[in-house]
Amino acid sequence: MTDQTGEISRLAELAKGIRIAMLTTVDEEGHFISVPMAQQEVEFDGDLWFFVERDSRVVRNLTLNPHVGVTLSSSDTWISIDGDGEVVQDRAKARELWNSWVEAWLPQGPDDPNVVLIKVTGHGAEYWDTPGGRAASILSFAKAKITGKRYEGAENERVDLDSAAAEEDR
């Protein structure tokens, strides 16, 4: 297993438990627009899936500029993903990913023509994690304050998802 593969596995492990993401698109005036989206539970390979209505602002923004940012966070983990978003109308995939969480927001169901998927293909990511959670972070912070040395309680890595995808295609 390459270091890159290990980093992607670590990224996938961290992302798995985070349900809500902030999806950032660019509007017609060049402004960043971020909206909360429920991340669908699929095996993370650099791609993320979200449900949305076809006539939404997110879809309009993606048709203008597919470049997106996705942010995932929990009490001790932060993930930033850079990628491209595309609108996907695939009823079979929508049915596969459909769940009660989505149904709360889109009661019309996966077969409604206004319900579409957004597939975000990640190009790169960066994550920050505090192994051991809040208690470990507080101890590391206190140690840094007492010793006057830099805080060392977090793990930070950059992950190139494009090279991993290229490696997988070979």
N, C-alpha and C. Protein backbone atom coordinates (compact mmCIF):
# COMPACT_ATOMS: atom_id res chain seq x y z
N MET A 1 0.86 -1.18 0.00
CA MET A 1 0.00 0.00 0.00
C MET A 1 0.89 1.23 0.00
N THR A 2 0.64 2.15 -0.93
CA THR A 2 1.42 3.37 -1.00
C THR A 2 1.01 4.31 0.12
N ASP A 3 1.86 5.30 0.39
CA ASP A 3 1.52 6.31 1.38
C ASP A 3 0.22 7.00 0.99
N GLN A 4 0.06 7.27 -0.31
CA GLN A 4 -1.14 7.95 -0.80
C GLN A 4 -2.39 7.12 -0.50
N THR A 5 -2.30 5.82 -0.73
CA THR A 5 -3.43 4.94 -0.45
C THR A 5 -3.76 4.94 1.04
N GLY A 6 -2.73 4.96 1.87
CA GLY A 6 -2.93 5.03 3.32
C GLY A 6 -3.58 6.33 3.74
N GLU A 7 -3.17 7.43 3.10
CA GLU A 7 -3.76 8.73 3.42
C GLU A 7 -5.23 8.78 3.00
N ILE A 8 -5.55 8.19 1.85
CA ILE A 8 -6.95 8.15 1.39
C ILE A 8 -7.78 7.29 2.33
N SER A 9 -7.22 6.18 2.78
CA SER A 9 -7.94 5.33 3.74
C SER A 9 -8.20 6.09 5.03
N ARG A 10 -7.21 6.85 5.49
CA ARG A 10 -7.38 7.64 6.71
C ARG A 10 -8.45 8.73 6.50
N LEU A 11 -8.41 9.38 5.34
CA LEU A 11 -9.40 10.39 5.01
C LEU A 11 -10.80 9.77 4.99
N ALA A 12 -10.94 8.61 4.38
CA ALA A 12 -12.23 7.91 4.32
C ALA A 12 -12.72 7.56 5.71
N GLU A 13 -11.83 7.10 6.55
CA GLU A 13 -12.19 6.75 7.93
C GLU A 13 -12.71 7.97 8.69
N LEU A 14 -12.04 9.10 8.52
CA LEU A 14 -12.45 10.33 9.19
C LEU A 14 -13.79 10.85 8.66
N ALA A 15 -13.99 10.77 7.34
CA ALA A 15 -15.20 11.31 6.71
C ALA A 15 -16.44 10.46 6.97
N LYS A 16 -16.22 9.18 7.21
CA LYS A 16 -17.34 8.24 7.32
C LYS A 16 -18.38 8.63 8.37
N GLY A 17 -17.95 9.10 9.50
CA GLY A 17 -18.89 9.40 10.57
C GLY A 17 -19.48 10.80 10.53
N ILE A 18 -19.13 11.59 9.53
CA ILE A 18 -19.61 12.98 9.47
C ILE A 18 -20.78 13.02 8.48
N ARG A 19 -21.95 13.33 8.99
CA ARG A 19 -23.17 13.25 8.19
C ARG A 19 -23.43 14.48 7.33
N ILE A 20 -23.18 15.67 7.88
CA ILE A 20 -23.50 16.89 7.16
C ILE A 20 -22.23 17.56 6.64
N ALA A 21 -22.28 17.94 5.39
CA ALA A 21 -21.17 18.64 4.74
C ALA A 21 -21.63 20.04 4.36
N MET A 22 -20.69 20.93 4.19
CA MET A 22 -20.97 22.22 3.58
C MET A 22 -20.42 22.15 2.15
N LEU A 23 -21.31 22.30 1.18
CA LEU A 23 -20.94 22.28 -0.24
C LEU A 23 -20.85 23.72 -0.71
N THR A 24 -19.69 24.11 -1.22
CA THR A 24 -19.48 25.48 -1.67
C THR A 24 -19.38 25.51 -3.19
N THR A 25 -20.26 26.32 -3.80
CA THR A 25 -20.24 26.54 -5.24
C THR A 25 -19.95 28.02 -5.50
N VAL A 26 -19.83 28.37 -6.76
CA VAL A 26 -19.59 29.76 -7.15
C VAL A 26 -20.80 30.23 -7.96
N ASP A 27 -21.37 31.38 -7.56
CA ASP A 27 -22.56 31.86 -8.27
C ASP A 27 -22.17 32.69 -9.50
N GLU A 28 -23.19 33.21 -10.20
CA GLU A 28 -22.96 33.96 -11.45
C GLU A 28 -22.16 35.24 -11.26
N GLU A 29 -22.09 35.74 -10.04
CA GLU A 29 -21.32 36.95 -9.77
C GLU A 29 -19.93 36.64 -9.20
N GLY A 30 -19.60 35.35 -9.12
CA GLY A 30 -18.30 34.95 -8.61
C GLY A 30 -18.22 34.82 -7.10
N HIS A 31 -19.36 34.89 -6.42
CA HIS A 31 -19.39 34.74 -4.96
C HIS A 31 -19.43 33.27 -4.57
N PHE A 32 -18.77 32.95 -3.47
CA PHE A 32 -18.84 31.61 -2.92
C PHE A 32 -20.16 31.46 -2.17
N ILE A 33 -20.88 30.39 -2.44
CA ILE A 33 -22.15 30.10 -1.77
C ILE A 33 -22.03 28.71 -1.15
N SER A 34 -22.19 28.63 0.17
CA SER A 34 -22.10 27.35 0.87
C SER A 34 -23.45 26.96 1.43
N VAL A 35 -23.79 25.69 1.24
CA VAL A 35 -25.06 25.17 1.74
C VAL A 35 -24.81 23.83 2.44
N PRO A 36 -25.56 23.57 3.51
CA PRO A 36 -25.41 22.27 4.18
C PRO A 36 -26.06 21.17 3.33
N MET A 37 -25.39 20.06 3.23
CA MET A 37 -25.88 18.93 2.46
C MET A 37 -25.62 17.65 3.24
N ALA A 38 -26.54 16.70 3.16
CA ALA A 38 -26.36 15.40 3.81
C ALA A 38 -25.49 14.52 2.93
N GLN A 39 -24.35 14.13 3.46
CA GLN A 39 -23.45 13.23 2.74
C GLN A 39 -24.07 11.84 2.70
N GLN A 40 -24.13 11.24 1.51
CA GLN A 40 -24.70 9.90 1.39
C GLN A 40 -23.65 8.86 1.72
N GLU A 41 -24.06 7.81 2.37
CA GLU A 41 -23.12 6.80 2.84
C GLU A 41 -22.75 5.85 1.71
N VAL A 42 -21.61 6.10 1.14
CA VAL A 42 -21.03 5.21 0.14
C VAL A 42 -19.55 5.09 0.47
N GLU A 43 -18.91 4.09 -0.06
CA GLU A 43 -17.49 3.91 0.20
C GLU A 43 -16.71 5.08 -0.40
N PHE A 44 -15.97 5.78 0.42
CA PHE A 44 -15.27 6.98 -0.05
C PHE A 44 -14.07 6.59 -0.91
N ASP A 45 -14.08 7.08 -2.14
CA ASP A 45 -12.98 6.85 -3.07
C ASP A 45 -12.53 8.17 -3.69
N GLY A 46 -12.89 9.26 -3.04
CA GLY A 46 -12.62 10.58 -3.59
C GLY A 46 -13.87 11.23 -4.14
N ASP A 47 -14.96 10.43 -4.27
CA ASP A 47 -16.24 10.95 -4.74
C ASP A 47 -17.22 11.05 -3.57
N LEU A 48 -18.03 12.09 -3.60
CA LEU A 48 -19.09 12.27 -2.61
C LEU A 48 -20.41 12.42 -3.38
N TRP A 49 -21.50 11.98 -2.77
CA TRP A 49 -22.82 12.05 -3.40
C TRP A 49 -23.78 12.82 -2.52
N PHE A 50 -24.59 13.67 -3.16
CA PHE A 50 -25.61 14.45 -2.46
C PHE A 50 -26.88 14.46 -3.30
N PHE A 51 -28.03 14.55 -2.64
CA PHE A 51 -29.31 14.74 -3.32
C PHE A 51 -29.65 16.22 -3.33
N VAL A 52 -30.32 16.65 -4.40
CA VAL A 52 -30.73 18.05 -4.52
C VAL A 52 -31.89 18.13 -5.51
N GLU A 53 -32.61 19.22 -5.47
CA GLU A 53 -33.65 19.43 -6.47
C GLU A 53 -33.06 20.11 -7.71
N ARG A 54 -33.51 19.66 -8.86
CA ARG A 54 -32.98 20.14 -10.14
C ARG A 54 -33.07 21.66 -10.27
N ASP A 55 -34.11 22.27 -9.72
CA ASP A 55 -34.29 23.71 -9.87
C ASP A 55 -33.65 24.52 -8.74
N SER A 56 -32.70 23.92 -8.02
CA SER A 56 -32.05 24.59 -6.89
C SER A 56 -30.92 25.52 -7.34
N ARG A 57 -30.56 26.40 -6.46
CA ARG A 57 -29.44 27.32 -6.68
C ARG A 57 -28.13 26.55 -6.86
N VAL A 58 -27.97 25.45 -6.14
CA VAL A 58 -26.75 24.64 -6.25
C VAL A 58 -26.58 24.15 -7.68
N VAL A 59 -27.66 23.63 -8.27
CA VAL A 59 -27.59 23.12 -9.65
C VAL A 59 -27.29 24.27 -10.62
N ARG A 60 -27.94 25.41 -10.42
CA ARG A 60 -27.66 26.57 -11.30
C ARG A 60 -26.18 26.95 -11.22
N ASN A 61 -25.64 26.98 -10.01
CA ASN A 61 -24.23 27.34 -9.85
C ASN A 61 -23.30 26.32 -10.50
N LEU A 62 -23.62 25.04 -10.39
CA LEU A 62 -22.77 24.00 -10.99
C LEU A 62 -22.77 24.08 -12.51
N THR A 63 -23.89 24.50 -13.11
CA THR A 63 -23.91 24.63 -14.56
C THR A 63 -23.03 25.78 -15.04
N LEU A 64 -22.83 26.77 -14.17
CA LEU A 64 -21.95 27.89 -14.50
C LEU A 64 -20.48 27.56 -14.25
N ASN A 65 -20.23 26.84 -13.16
CA ASN A 65 -18.86 26.55 -12.76
C ASN A 65 -18.86 25.27 -11.92
N PRO A 66 -18.28 24.19 -12.43
CA PRO A 66 -18.33 22.92 -11.69
C PRO A 66 -17.37 22.84 -10.50
N HIS A 67 -16.47 23.80 -10.36
CA HIS A 67 -15.49 23.76 -9.27
C HIS A 67 -16.18 23.97 -7.93
N VAL A 68 -15.98 23.04 -7.00
CA VAL A 68 -16.64 23.10 -5.70
C VAL A 68 -15.64 22.84 -4.57
N GLY A 69 -16.06 23.22 -3.38
CA GLY A 69 -15.35 22.86 -2.17
C GLY A 69 -16.34 22.16 -1.25
N VAL A 70 -15.87 21.16 -0.54
CA VAL A 70 -16.71 20.46 0.43
C VAL A 70 -15.97 20.48 1.76
N THR A 71 -16.68 20.86 2.81
CA THR A 71 -16.11 20.88 4.15
C THR A 71 -16.92 19.95 5.04
N LEU A 72 -16.22 19.09 5.75
CA LEU A 72 -16.82 18.19 6.72
C LEU A 72 -16.18 18.48 8.07
N SER A 73 -16.98 18.52 9.12
CA SER A 73 -16.37 18.74 10.43
C SER A 73 -17.16 18.06 11.53
N SER A 74 -16.43 17.69 12.55
CA SER A 74 -17.03 17.13 13.76
C SER A 74 -16.34 17.85 14.93
N SER A 75 -16.55 17.36 16.13
CA SER A 75 -15.96 18.04 17.28
C SER A 75 -14.44 17.94 17.32
N ASP A 76 -13.86 16.98 16.60
CA ASP A 76 -12.41 16.83 16.64
C ASP A 76 -11.76 16.54 15.28
N THR A 77 -12.53 16.70 14.19
CA THR A 77 -12.02 16.43 12.84
C THR A 77 -12.52 17.50 11.88
N TRP A 78 -11.64 17.93 10.99
CA TRP A 78 -11.99 18.91 9.97
C TRP A 78 -11.40 18.43 8.66
N ILE A 79 -12.25 18.43 7.60
CA ILE A 79 -11.83 17.96 6.28
C ILE A 79 -12.25 18.98 5.24
N SER A 80 -11.34 19.29 4.33
CA SER A 80 -11.63 20.19 3.22
C SER A 80 -11.30 19.45 1.93
N ILE A 81 -12.27 19.40 1.01
CA ILE A 81 -12.09 18.69 -0.26
C ILE A 81 -12.31 19.66 -1.40
N ASP A 82 -11.39 19.66 -2.36
CA ASP A 82 -11.47 20.47 -3.57
C ASP A 82 -11.83 19.53 -4.71
N GLY A 83 -12.82 19.91 -5.52
CA GLY A 83 -13.19 19.02 -6.61
C GLY A 83 -14.11 19.66 -7.62
N ASP A 84 -14.72 18.82 -8.42
CA ASP A 84 -15.69 19.24 -9.42
C ASP A 84 -17.00 18.53 -9.14
N GLY A 85 -18.09 19.29 -9.29
CA GLY A 85 -19.42 18.74 -9.08
C GLY A 85 -20.14 18.60 -10.40
N GLU A 86 -20.91 17.55 -10.51
CA GLU A 86 -21.74 17.36 -11.71
C GLU A 86 -23.12 16.88 -11.29
N VAL A 87 -24.11 17.31 -12.03
CA VAL A 87 -25.48 16.89 -11.79
C VAL A 87 -25.67 15.55 -12.50
N VAL A 88 -26.17 14.58 -11.75
CA VAL A 88 -26.36 13.23 -12.28
C VAL A 88 -27.82 12.84 -12.13
N GLN A 89 -28.44 12.49 -13.25
CA GLN A 89 -29.81 11.97 -13.20
C GLN A 89 -29.73 10.48 -13.50
N ASP A 90 -29.72 9.71 -12.44
CA ASP A 90 -29.60 8.26 -12.53
C ASP A 90 -30.57 7.67 -11.50
N ARG A 91 -31.73 7.24 -11.97
CA ARG A 91 -32.77 6.74 -11.06
C ARG A 91 -32.28 5.54 -10.25
N ALA A 92 -31.53 4.64 -10.88
CA ALA A 92 -31.03 3.45 -10.16
C ALA A 92 -30.09 3.87 -9.02
N LYS A 93 -29.21 4.80 -9.29
CA LYS A 93 -28.27 5.28 -8.26
C LYS A 93 -29.05 6.03 -7.17
N ALA A 94 -30.05 6.82 -7.56
CA ALA A 94 -30.87 7.54 -6.58
C ALA A 94 -31.59 6.57 -5.66
N ARG A 95 -32.14 5.50 -6.22
CA ARG A 95 -32.83 4.50 -5.39
C ARG A 95 -31.84 3.80 -4.47
N GLU A 96 -30.65 3.52 -4.99
CA GLU A 96 -29.62 2.86 -4.18
C GLU A 96 -29.22 3.71 -2.97
N LEU A 97 -29.12 5.01 -3.16
CA LEU A 97 -28.67 5.91 -2.09
C LEU A 97 -29.80 6.44 -1.22
N TRP A 98 -31.05 6.24 -1.65
CA TRP A 98 -32.19 6.82 -0.94
C TRP A 98 -32.28 6.28 0.49
N ASN A 99 -32.64 7.16 1.42
CA ASN A 99 -32.82 6.76 2.81
C ASN A 99 -33.78 7.73 3.49
N SER A 100 -34.16 7.42 4.71
CA SER A 100 -35.15 8.25 5.41
C SER A 100 -34.64 9.66 5.68
N TRP A 101 -33.34 9.82 5.81
CA TRP A 101 -32.75 11.15 6.01
C TRP A 101 -33.05 12.04 4.80
N VAL A 102 -32.84 11.50 3.61
CA VAL A 102 -33.10 12.25 2.37
C VAL A 102 -34.59 12.52 2.23
N GLU A 103 -35.40 11.51 2.56
CA GLU A 103 -36.84 11.64 2.41
C GLU A 103 -37.42 12.78 3.24
N ALA A 104 -36.78 13.09 4.36
CA ALA A 104 -37.24 14.22 5.18
C ALA A 104 -37.14 15.53 4.41
N TRP A 105 -36.15 15.65 3.54
CA TRP A 105 -35.94 16.89 2.77
C TRP A 105 -36.59 16.83 1.40
N LEU A 106 -36.69 15.64 0.85
CA LEU A 106 -37.24 15.47 -0.50
C LEU A 106 -38.33 14.41 -0.45
N PRO A 107 -39.50 14.75 0.12
CA PRO A 107 -40.56 13.75 0.30
C PRO A 107 -41.14 13.21 -1.00
N GLN A 108 -40.86 13.86 -2.12
CA GLN A 108 -41.40 13.40 -3.40
C GLN A 108 -40.76 12.09 -3.86
N GLY A 109 -39.63 11.68 -3.27
CA GLY A 109 -39.03 10.39 -3.57
C GLY A 109 -38.01 10.42 -4.69
N PRO A 110 -37.25 9.33 -4.82
CA PRO A 110 -36.14 9.28 -5.78
C PRO A 110 -36.55 9.22 -7.24
N ASP A 111 -37.81 8.91 -7.52
CA ASP A 111 -38.26 8.81 -8.91
C ASP A 111 -38.83 10.10 -9.46
N ASP A 112 -38.93 11.12 -8.61
CA ASP A 112 -39.44 12.41 -9.06
C ASP A 112 -38.41 13.04 -10.01
N PRO A 113 -38.85 13.57 -11.16
CA PRO A 113 -37.91 14.14 -12.13
C PRO A 113 -37.14 15.36 -11.60
N ASN A 114 -37.62 16.00 -10.55
CA ASN A 114 -36.91 17.16 -9.99
C ASN A 114 -35.84 16.74 -8.98
N VAL A 115 -35.79 15.47 -8.62
CA VAL A 115 -34.77 14.97 -7.69
C VAL A 115 -33.58 14.46 -8.51
N VAL A 116 -32.43 15.06 -8.27
CA VAL A 116 -31.21 14.66 -8.96
C VAL A 116 -30.09 14.48 -7.93
N LEU A 117 -29.02 13.89 -8.38
CA LEU A 117 -27.84 13.70 -7.54
C LEU A 117 -26.75 14.67 -7.95
N ILE A 118 -25.94 15.02 -7.01
CA ILE A 118 -24.70 15.74 -7.32
C ILE A 118 -23.57 14.80 -6.95
N LYS A 119 -22.71 14.57 -7.91
CA LYS A 119 -21.51 13.77 -7.67
C LYS A 119 -20.33 14.74 -7.62
N VAL A 120 -19.65 14.74 -6.50
CA VAL A 120 -18.45 15.57 -6.38
C VAL A 120 -17.25 14.64 -6.51
N THR A 121 -16.44 14.90 -7.52
CA THR A 121 -15.20 14.16 -7.72
C THR A 121 -14.07 14.98 -7.11
N GLY A 122 -13.50 14.45 -6.06
CA GLY A 122 -12.45 15.17 -5.36
C GLY A 122 -11.13 15.12 -6.10
N HIS A 123 -10.42 16.24 -6.11
CA HIS A 123 -9.09 16.30 -6.70
C HIS A 123 -8.02 16.32 -5.61
N GLY A 124 -8.35 16.96 -4.51
CA GLY A 124 -7.41 17.03 -3.40
C GLY A 124 -8.18 17.27 -2.11
N ALA A 125 -7.54 16.94 -1.02
CA ALA A 125 -8.17 17.11 0.28
C ALA A 125 -7.10 17.41 1.32
N GLU A 126 -7.56 17.98 2.40
CA GLU A 126 -6.68 18.19 3.56
C GLU A 126 -7.52 17.91 4.79
N TYR A 127 -6.90 17.24 5.75
CA TYR A 127 -7.64 16.98 6.98
C TYR A 127 -6.80 17.31 8.19
N TRP A 128 -7.53 17.64 9.25
CA TRP A 128 -6.95 17.90 10.55
C TRP A 128 -7.74 17.03 11.52
N ASP A 129 -7.04 16.27 12.33
CA ASP A 129 -7.70 15.40 13.29
C ASP A 129 -6.99 15.50 14.62
N THR A 130 -7.75 15.40 15.68
CA THR A 130 -7.16 15.41 17.02
C THR A 130 -7.39 14.04 17.64
N PRO A 131 -6.47 13.10 17.39
CA PRO A 131 -6.63 11.76 17.95
C PRO A 131 -6.78 11.84 19.47
N GLY A 132 -7.68 11.06 19.99
CA GLY A 132 -7.93 11.09 21.42
C GLY A 132 -9.03 12.05 21.80
N GLY A 133 -9.53 12.81 20.83
CA GLY A 133 -10.65 13.71 21.06
C GLY A 133 -10.31 14.92 21.90
N ARG A 134 -11.34 15.45 22.50
CA ARG A 134 -11.25 16.71 23.22
C ARG A 134 -10.29 16.66 24.42
N ALA A 135 -10.33 15.56 25.18
CA ALA A 135 -9.46 15.45 26.36
C ALA A 135 -7.99 15.51 25.95
N ALA A 136 -7.64 14.78 24.89
CA ALA A 136 -6.26 14.79 24.42
C ALA A 136 -5.87 16.18 23.92
N SER A 137 -6.79 16.86 23.26
CA SER A 137 -6.51 18.22 22.77
C SER A 137 -6.27 19.18 23.92
N ILE A 138 -7.08 19.08 24.97
CA ILE A 138 -6.91 19.96 26.12
C ILE A 138 -5.56 19.71 26.79
N LEU A 139 -5.19 18.44 26.93
CA LEU A 139 -3.89 18.11 27.54
C LEU A 139 -2.73 18.64 26.68
N SER A 140 -2.83 18.46 25.36
CA SER A 140 -1.78 18.96 24.46
C SER A 140 -1.70 20.47 24.51
N PHE A 141 -2.85 21.13 24.58
CA PHE A 141 -2.89 22.59 24.67
C PHE A 141 -2.23 23.05 25.97
N ALA A 142 -2.59 22.39 27.07
CA ALA A 142 -2.01 22.76 28.37
C ALA A 142 -0.50 22.54 28.37
N LYS A 143 -0.06 21.43 27.78
CA LYS A 143 1.37 21.14 27.70
C LYS A 143 2.09 22.24 26.91
N ALA A 144 1.49 22.67 25.80
CA ALA A 144 2.09 23.73 24.98
C ALA A 144 2.20 25.03 25.77
N LYS A 145 1.16 25.36 26.52
CA LYS A 145 1.18 26.59 27.32
C LYS A 145 2.24 26.53 28.42
N ILE A 146 2.35 25.39 29.06
CA ILE A 146 3.30 25.23 30.17
C ILE A 146 4.74 25.23 29.67
N THR A 147 5.01 24.50 28.59
CA THR A 147 6.38 24.36 28.09
C THR A 147 6.78 25.49 27.15
N GLY A 148 5.80 26.22 26.62
CA GLY A 148 6.12 27.27 25.66
C GLY A 148 6.43 26.73 24.28
N LYS A 149 6.18 25.44 24.07
CA LYS A 149 6.42 24.82 22.77
C LYS A 149 5.12 24.74 21.99
N ARG A 150 5.25 24.66 20.69
CA ARG A 150 4.11 24.63 19.78
C ARG A 150 3.16 23.47 20.08
N TYR A 151 1.85 23.73 19.93
CA TYR A 151 0.80 22.73 20.11
C TYR A 151 1.03 21.59 19.12
N GLU A 152 1.06 20.37 19.61
CA GLU A 152 1.31 19.20 18.76
C GLU A 152 0.20 18.16 18.86
N GLY A 153 -1.00 18.57 19.21
CA GLY A 153 -2.08 17.62 19.45
C GLY A 153 -2.88 17.22 18.23
N ALA A 154 -2.52 17.69 17.04
CA ALA A 154 -3.33 17.41 15.86
C ALA A 154 -2.53 16.72 14.77
N GLU A 155 -3.23 15.97 13.97
CA GLU A 155 -2.67 15.31 12.80
C GLU A 155 -3.18 16.07 11.58
N ASN A 156 -2.28 16.44 10.67
CA ASN A 156 -2.67 17.20 9.48
C ASN A 156 -2.00 16.60 8.27
N GLU A 157 -2.79 16.28 7.24
CA GLU A 157 -2.25 15.72 6.00
C GLU A 157 -2.96 16.29 4.80
N ARG A 158 -2.23 16.41 3.70
CA ARG A 158 -2.81 16.75 2.40
C ARG A 158 -2.85 15.48 1.58
N VAL A 159 -3.94 15.30 0.84
CA VAL A 159 -4.15 14.09 0.06
C VAL A 159 -4.44 14.47 -1.38
N ASP A 160 -3.65 13.92 -2.30
CA ASP A 160 -3.87 14.15 -3.73
C ASP A 160 -4.78 13.06 -4.26
N LEU A 161 -6.03 13.37 -4.48
CA LEU A 161 -7.00 12.37 -4.93
C LEU A 161 -6.87 12.09 -6.42
N ASP A 162 -6.35 13.04 -7.20
CA ASP A 162 -6.17 12.81 -8.64
C ASP A 162 -5.14 11.72 -8.91
N SER A 163 -4.00 11.75 -8.20
CA SER A 163 -2.97 10.74 -8.45
C SER A 163 -3.44 9.37 -7.99
N ALA A 164 -4.25 9.33 -6.94
CA ALA A 164 -4.80 8.05 -6.48
C ALA A 164 -5.75 7.48 -7.52
N ALA A 165 -6.58 8.33 -8.15
CA ALA A 165 -7.51 7.89 -9.18
C ALA A 165 -6.73 7.39 -10.39
N ALA A 166 -5.65 8.09 -10.76
CA ALA A 166 -4.83 7.68 -11.90
C ALA A 166 -4.18 6.34 -11.63
N GLU A 167 -3.71 6.14 -10.39
CA GLU A 167 -3.09 4.88 -9.99
C GLU A 167 -4.10 3.74 -10.07
N GLU A 168 -5.34 4.01 -9.68
CA GLU A 168 -6.40 3.01 -9.69
C GLU A 168 -6.78 2.65 -11.13
N ASP A 169 -6.70 3.59 -12.06
CA ASP A 169 -7.06 3.34 -13.46
C ASP A 169 -6.04 2.47 -14.19
N ARG A 170 -4.82 2.42 -13.65
CA ARG A 170 -3.79 1.63 -14.33
C ARG A 170 -4.00 0.16 -14.23
